[in-house]
Protein backbone atom coordinates (compact mmCIF):
# COMPACT_ATOMS: atom_id res chain seq x y z
CA MET A 1 -99.75 -12.60 137.91
CA ALA A 2 -98.12 -13.98 134.89
CA SER A 3 -101.80 -14.42 133.01
CA LEU A 4 -101.52 -10.39 133.37
CA LYS A 5 -99.87 -8.17 130.91
CA LEU A 6 -99.30 -5.35 133.09
CA GLY A 7 -97.67 -1.74 132.19
CA ILE A 8 -96.66 1.85 133.51
CA SER A 9 -97.19 4.92 132.36
CA PRO A 10 -94.13 7.24 132.16
CA ILE A 11 -96.57 9.99 133.32
CA ASN A 12 -96.28 8.36 136.76
CA TRP A 13 -92.28 9.96 136.55
CA VAL A 14 -92.90 12.71 133.98
CA ASN A 15 -96.29 14.29 133.50
CA GLU A 16 -97.95 15.52 129.79
CA ASP A 17 -100.07 17.75 131.07
CA VAL A 18 -98.57 19.76 133.89
CA LEU A 19 -95.10 19.78 132.45
CA GLU A 20 -93.10 21.20 135.83
CA LEU A 21 -93.93 17.71 137.16
CA GLY A 22 -91.17 15.66 136.79
CA ASP A 23 -89.49 17.06 134.54
CA HIS A 24 -85.93 16.36 135.31
CA TYR A 25 -86.43 12.54 134.87
CA THR A 26 -84.14 11.60 131.66
CA PHE A 27 -85.62 8.66 129.12
CA GLU A 28 -82.51 6.29 130.82
CA GLU A 29 -84.12 6.46 134.49
CA LEU A 30 -87.67 5.69 133.26
CA MET A 31 -85.61 2.92 131.38
CA LYS A 32 -83.60 2.12 134.46
CA ASP A 33 -86.73 2.34 137.16
CA PHE A 34 -89.19 -0.25 134.66
CA GLU A 35 -86.87 -2.58 134.31
CA SER A 36 -85.91 -2.93 137.88
CA LEU A 37 -89.95 -3.43 138.50
CA GLY A 38 -90.17 -6.01 135.73
CA PHE A 39 -92.46 -3.82 133.42
CA ALA A 40 -92.24 -5.03 129.68
CA ALA A 41 -94.48 -2.16 128.04
CA THR A 42 -95.00 1.29 128.33
CA GLU A 43 -96.45 4.27 126.64
CA ASN A 44 -94.99 7.09 124.75
CA CYS A 45 -93.62 10.16 126.85
CA ARG A 46 -91.95 13.31 126.25
CA LYS A 47 -88.89 12.73 127.08
CA PHE A 48 -88.79 9.72 124.80
CA PRO A 49 -86.62 9.45 121.59
CA LYS A 50 -88.55 11.15 118.73
CA ASP A 51 -87.24 9.03 115.96
CA ALA A 52 -89.79 5.58 115.59
CA LYS A 53 -86.65 3.39 114.41
CA ALA A 54 -84.58 4.94 117.50
CA LEU A 55 -86.85 4.46 120.18
CA LYS A 56 -87.96 0.86 118.85
CA ALA A 57 -84.44 -0.62 119.14
CA ALA A 58 -83.97 1.93 122.69
CA LEU A 59 -86.83 -0.02 123.81
CA ALA A 60 -86.35 -3.57 122.50
CA GLU A 61 -82.79 -3.55 124.23
CA ARG A 62 -84.78 -3.53 127.05
CA GLY A 63 -87.47 -5.93 126.59
CA ILE A 64 -90.22 -3.08 126.26
CA GLN A 65 -93.31 -2.78 123.71
CA LEU A 66 -94.65 0.95 123.15
CA THR A 67 -98.55 -0.09 123.06
CA SER A 68 -99.52 3.54 122.82
CA GLN A 69 -99.83 7.13 122.28
CA TRP A 70 -102.04 9.86 123.40
CA LYS A 71 -103.62 11.99 120.19
CA GLY A 72 -105.56 14.27 121.06
CA VAL A 73 -108.06 15.58 117.94
CA LEU A 74 -110.14 18.42 117.03
CA PHE A 75 -113.37 16.60 115.02
CA SER A 76 -115.89 19.06 116.48
CA ASP A 77 -114.82 21.70 114.20
CA PRO A 78 -115.52 20.31 110.42
CA SER A 79 -113.01 23.36 109.08
CA ARG A 80 -110.00 21.10 110.58
CA ARG A 81 -111.08 18.13 109.65
CA ALA A 82 -108.84 17.18 106.82
CA GLU A 83 -105.96 18.53 108.80
CA GLU A 84 -106.97 17.12 112.04
CA LEU A 85 -107.32 13.19 109.80
CA ALA A 86 -103.71 13.90 107.91
CA ALA A 87 -102.28 14.32 111.33
CA TYR A 88 -104.09 11.35 112.88
CA ARG A 89 -102.63 9.49 109.87
CA SER A 90 -99.25 10.29 110.76
CA HIS A 91 -99.57 9.23 114.53
CA VAL A 92 -101.36 6.21 113.21
CA GLU A 93 -98.01 5.66 111.15
CA PHE A 94 -95.62 6.26 113.61
CA LEU A 95 -97.24 3.91 116.19
CA HIS A 96 -97.67 0.99 113.68
CA GLU A 97 -93.67 1.35 112.71
CA MET A 98 -93.70 0.54 117.00
CA GLY A 99 -95.69 -2.27 117.07
CA SER A 100 -98.61 -0.16 118.63
CA LYS A 101 -102.26 -2.17 118.04
CA VAL A 102 -104.32 0.66 119.96
CA VAL A 103 -104.04 4.43 118.92
CA VAL A 104 -105.44 6.43 122.37
CA THR A 105 -107.69 9.17 121.21
CA CYS A 106 -109.52 12.04 122.34
CA GLU A 107 -111.55 15.09 121.10
CA LEU A 108 -110.22 18.01 122.98
CA GLY A 109 -113.19 20.49 121.06
CA GLY A 110 -114.46 22.52 124.17
CA SER A 111 -112.25 21.31 126.63
CA ILE A 112 -109.93 23.17 128.79
CA ILE A 113 -106.82 20.32 129.08
CA GLY A 114 -105.58 21.63 125.21
CA ASP A 115 -108.22 23.12 122.61
CA PRO A 116 -106.29 25.64 120.39
CA ARG A 117 -109.04 27.63 120.10
CA ARG A 118 -109.24 28.27 123.91
CA ASP A 119 -107.91 30.75 126.48
CA PRO A 120 -105.27 28.37 128.33
CA ALA A 121 -106.49 29.72 131.34
CA GLU A 122 -110.02 28.84 130.68
CA ARG A 123 -111.07 26.51 134.00
CA THR A 124 -114.63 25.37 132.72
CA VAL A 125 -115.68 22.84 129.58
CA LEU A 126 -117.85 24.04 127.05
CA PRO A 127 -119.86 22.20 125.98
CA LEU A 128 -120.62 21.19 122.30
CA THR A 129 -123.58 21.36 120.50
CA ASP A 130 -125.85 18.44 118.96
CA GLU A 131 -124.05 19.75 115.45
CA GLU A 132 -120.09 19.63 116.71
CA TRP A 133 -120.90 16.12 118.84
CA SER A 134 -121.91 14.59 114.98
CA HIS A 135 -119.37 16.09 113.43
CA MET A 136 -116.97 14.49 116.44
CA VAL A 137 -118.51 11.23 115.53
CA GLU A 138 -118.05 11.35 111.81
CA GLY A 139 -114.30 12.78 112.35
CA LEU A 140 -113.83 9.45 115.29
CA HIS A 141 -115.53 7.04 112.35
CA GLN A 142 -113.01 8.45 109.73
CA ALA A 143 -109.95 7.91 112.14
CA GLY A 144 -111.06 4.32 113.09
CA ALA A 145 -111.41 3.73 109.62
CA ILE A 146 -107.44 4.59 109.40
CA CYS A 147 -106.31 2.58 112.01
CA ARG A 148 -107.97 -0.46 110.57
CA GLU A 149 -106.25 -0.49 108.03
CA TYR A 150 -102.64 -0.77 110.03
CA GLY A 151 -105.31 -3.58 111.75
CA MET A 152 -104.97 -1.35 114.58
CA LYS A 153 -107.99 0.02 116.81
CA LEU A 154 -109.07 3.74 117.88
CA VAL A 155 -110.06 3.36 121.42
CA TYR A 156 -111.30 6.46 122.94
CA HIS A 157 -109.98 7.75 126.39
CA TYR A 158 -113.14 9.91 128.03
CA HIS A 159 -111.13 12.21 130.27
CA MET A 160 -111.63 15.03 132.68
CA GLY A 161 -111.63 18.38 131.33
CA THR A 162 -113.24 17.18 128.27
CA ASN A 163 -116.91 17.29 126.87
CA VAL A 164 -116.59 13.59 127.72
CA GLU A 165 -116.02 12.80 131.14
CA ARG A 166 -119.66 11.91 132.68
CA GLY A 167 -121.55 8.43 132.83
CA GLU A 168 -123.87 9.85 130.38
CA GLU A 169 -121.35 11.24 128.27
CA ILE A 170 -119.71 8.33 128.00
CA ASP A 171 -123.14 5.92 127.00
CA ARG A 172 -123.77 9.08 124.78
CA LEU A 173 -120.49 8.13 123.22
CA MET A 174 -121.00 4.50 123.03
CA ARG A 175 -124.50 4.83 121.30
CA THR A 176 -123.38 7.13 119.15
CA THR A 177 -120.20 5.52 117.73
CA ASP A 178 -119.40 2.50 115.07
CA PRO A 179 -118.45 -0.38 117.43
CA GLU A 180 -116.44 -2.05 114.35
CA LEU A 181 -114.76 1.83 114.30
CA VAL A 182 -114.28 3.27 118.08
CA SER A 183 -113.58 1.24 120.65
CA LEU A 184 -113.27 2.50 124.15
CA LEU A 185 -110.25 2.94 126.81
CA TYR A 186 -111.01 1.75 129.76
CA ASP A 187 -109.11 4.39 132.59
CA THR A 188 -110.80 3.25 135.91
CA GLY A 189 -109.50 6.54 137.66
CA HIS A 190 -110.89 9.14 135.04
CA ALA A 191 -114.63 6.90 135.46
CA TYR A 192 -114.24 7.52 139.30
CA TYR A 193 -113.79 10.96 138.93
CA GLY A 194 -115.78 11.64 136.65
CA GLY A 195 -119.02 10.61 139.05
CA SER A 196 -119.11 6.86 137.73
CA ASP A 197 -118.83 3.84 139.56
CA PRO A 198 -115.78 1.80 137.49
CA LEU A 199 -117.30 -1.01 137.70
CA GLU A 200 -121.07 -0.71 136.46
CA LEU A 201 -119.10 1.16 133.23
CA LEU A 202 -117.58 -1.80 132.80
CA GLU A 203 -120.13 -3.85 132.86
CA ARG A 204 -122.37 -1.73 131.11
CA HIS A 205 -119.72 -1.09 128.31
CA GLY A 206 -117.53 -4.08 128.71
CA SER A 207 -117.69 -5.50 124.93
CA ARG A 208 -116.47 -2.55 123.80
CA VAL A 209 -112.98 -2.47 125.91
CA GLY A 210 -110.07 -2.57 123.92
CA TYR A 211 -107.15 -0.81 126.21
CA VAL A 212 -107.39 -0.67 130.05
CA HIS A 213 -105.78 2.28 132.20
CA LEU A 214 -105.56 1.64 136.09
CA LYS A 215 -105.24 4.45 138.23
CA ASP A 216 -106.89 4.72 141.82
CA VAL A 217 -108.17 8.03 143.05
CA ARG A 218 -107.60 9.53 146.51
CA GLN A 219 -111.75 10.35 148.13
CA GLU A 220 -110.29 12.87 150.45
CA VAL A 221 -108.59 15.18 147.65
CA LEU A 222 -111.80 14.64 144.95
CA GLU A 223 -113.95 15.93 147.68
CA ARG A 224 -112.23 19.06 148.26
CA VAL A 225 -111.42 19.34 144.65
CA GLU A 226 -115.51 19.22 144.02
CA ARG A 227 -116.42 21.17 147.40
CA ASP A 228 -113.90 24.24 145.74
CA GLY A 229 -114.13 23.73 142.30
CA ILE A 230 -110.66 22.96 141.72
CA PRO A 231 -109.53 22.51 138.11
CA PHE A 232 -108.64 19.27 136.42
CA GLN A 233 -104.59 19.71 136.22
CA THR A 234 -104.55 21.85 140.12
CA ALA A 235 -106.14 18.72 141.24
CA VAL A 236 -103.34 16.59 139.94
CA ILE A 237 -100.85 18.50 141.04
CA GLU A 238 -103.01 18.17 144.71
CA GLY A 239 -102.85 14.37 144.41
CA VAL A 240 -106.63 13.51 142.89
CA PHE A 241 -105.29 10.46 140.91
CA THR A 242 -102.48 7.43 142.83
CA VAL A 243 -101.67 3.52 141.84
CA PRO A 244 -104.48 0.96 141.92
CA GLY A 245 -104.44 -0.04 146.19
CA ASP A 246 -104.09 3.30 147.09
CA GLY A 247 -107.42 5.27 146.89
CA ALA A 248 -111.18 4.50 147.20
CA ILE A 249 -111.42 2.09 144.12
CA ASP A 250 -112.32 -1.57 144.97
CA PHE A 251 -109.76 -3.44 142.12
CA VAL A 252 -110.68 -6.93 143.39
CA PRO A 253 -114.46 -7.13 141.20
CA ILE A 254 -112.90 -5.11 138.25
CA PHE A 255 -110.08 -7.75 137.71
CA ALA A 256 -113.11 -10.03 137.97
CA LYS A 257 -115.58 -8.69 135.59
CA LEU A 258 -112.42 -7.76 133.17
CA ARG A 259 -111.41 -11.66 133.26
CA GLU A 260 -115.15 -12.73 132.80
CA LEU A 261 -115.03 -10.80 129.73
CA GLY A 262 -111.86 -12.20 128.21
CA TYR A 263 -109.86 -8.79 127.98
CA ASP A 264 -106.25 -10.32 128.00
CA ASP A 265 -104.26 -7.59 126.96
CA TRP A 266 -102.22 -4.48 127.86
CA MET A 267 -103.38 -2.96 131.20
CA ILE A 268 -101.48 -0.05 132.20
CA ILE A 269 -101.03 1.42 135.23
CA GLU A 270 -100.54 4.88 135.91
CA ALA A 271 -101.02 7.76 138.55
CA GLU A 272 -100.59 11.56 137.45
CA GLN A 273 -99.02 12.69 140.95
CA ASP A 274 -95.94 14.52 141.93
CA PRO A 275 -93.02 12.63 141.81
CA ALA A 276 -91.62 14.42 144.61
CA VAL A 277 -94.05 13.84 146.62
CA ALA A 278 -94.99 10.16 146.00
CA ASN A 279 -92.36 8.45 144.16
CA PRO A 280 -93.43 6.95 141.42
CA TYR A 281 -90.68 4.03 141.96
CA GLU A 282 -92.13 3.08 145.37
CA TYR A 283 -95.95 3.90 144.61
CA ALA A 284 -95.61 1.41 141.03
CA LYS A 285 -93.77 -1.39 143.64
CA LYS A 286 -96.53 -0.72 146.00
CA SER A 287 -99.07 -1.00 143.68
CA LEU A 288 -97.99 -4.61 142.16
CA ALA A 289 -98.03 -5.92 145.41
CA TYR A 290 -101.83 -4.47 145.74
CA ILE A 291 -102.61 -5.92 141.98
CA GLU A 292 -101.55 -9.47 142.59
CA GLN A 293 -103.52 -9.57 145.87
CA ALA A 294 -107.02 -8.46 144.13
CA ALA A 295 -106.45 -9.81 140.35
CA GLY A 296 -105.69 -13.27 142.36
CA ALA A 297 -108.85 -13.15 144.80
CA GLY A 298 -110.84 -11.92 141.80
CA SER A 299 -109.88 -15.18 140.07
CA GLN A 300 -111.42 -17.23 143.28
């Protein structure tokens, strides 16, 4: 375990998309749990101090590094490009001050998880046209160049409810973007939910991986979600995601492949689920035990 750089996401406690999940938790409660579990890294959260200096000091007190923060973008709409890039630069500057090395980035055009031009009640992703896709790629390249100014990487987060969620869409993104400007956030849970074999995806695009999210999927919930056409946000509430070791994904070959690729940076444990149903502290503890076994088996 000492060789693995494992962090924990606050989203296990406080959800960022479904705000009623875990809203009662405080920053101090999160920090207490992270310290007790022995984690030295996390991502930003709506419960954290907003001022960079205050947050950096509060985390440093506990020996915790902020690895990144999600940034949704609307690069597929060129009429918004200037304001989107200005907001992106501010986000990069904040993360740079925090000592982060990667910027988690996701295109929201046509999505059901944050496209400001769409009714929040929409439940179907609106596909990007080829022209909109080209605009998205151009914007990602410009954002990636901003990251490089600060010695950081743009890591693209393929995500359910967006235009990059399926294997063929991830493949297209990797094919149409510059590896020098756009890296990949390898998320095991979103890969599986999106119909990809996480190991096969890693084998195809391992050279582009700049950051890792470790999450699992409950097969029985996923089957019900697909059968009944349950939207992403509702699927989260119903427990489609869980921590590594509690779902359908075999992480042994995944850890072996990451080791083979020479990946030695942060891996963040995630489980977007209702903390009232699945105690986040206990699930994180259980996942650590599983990861120790799976990573050890993968090294043999």
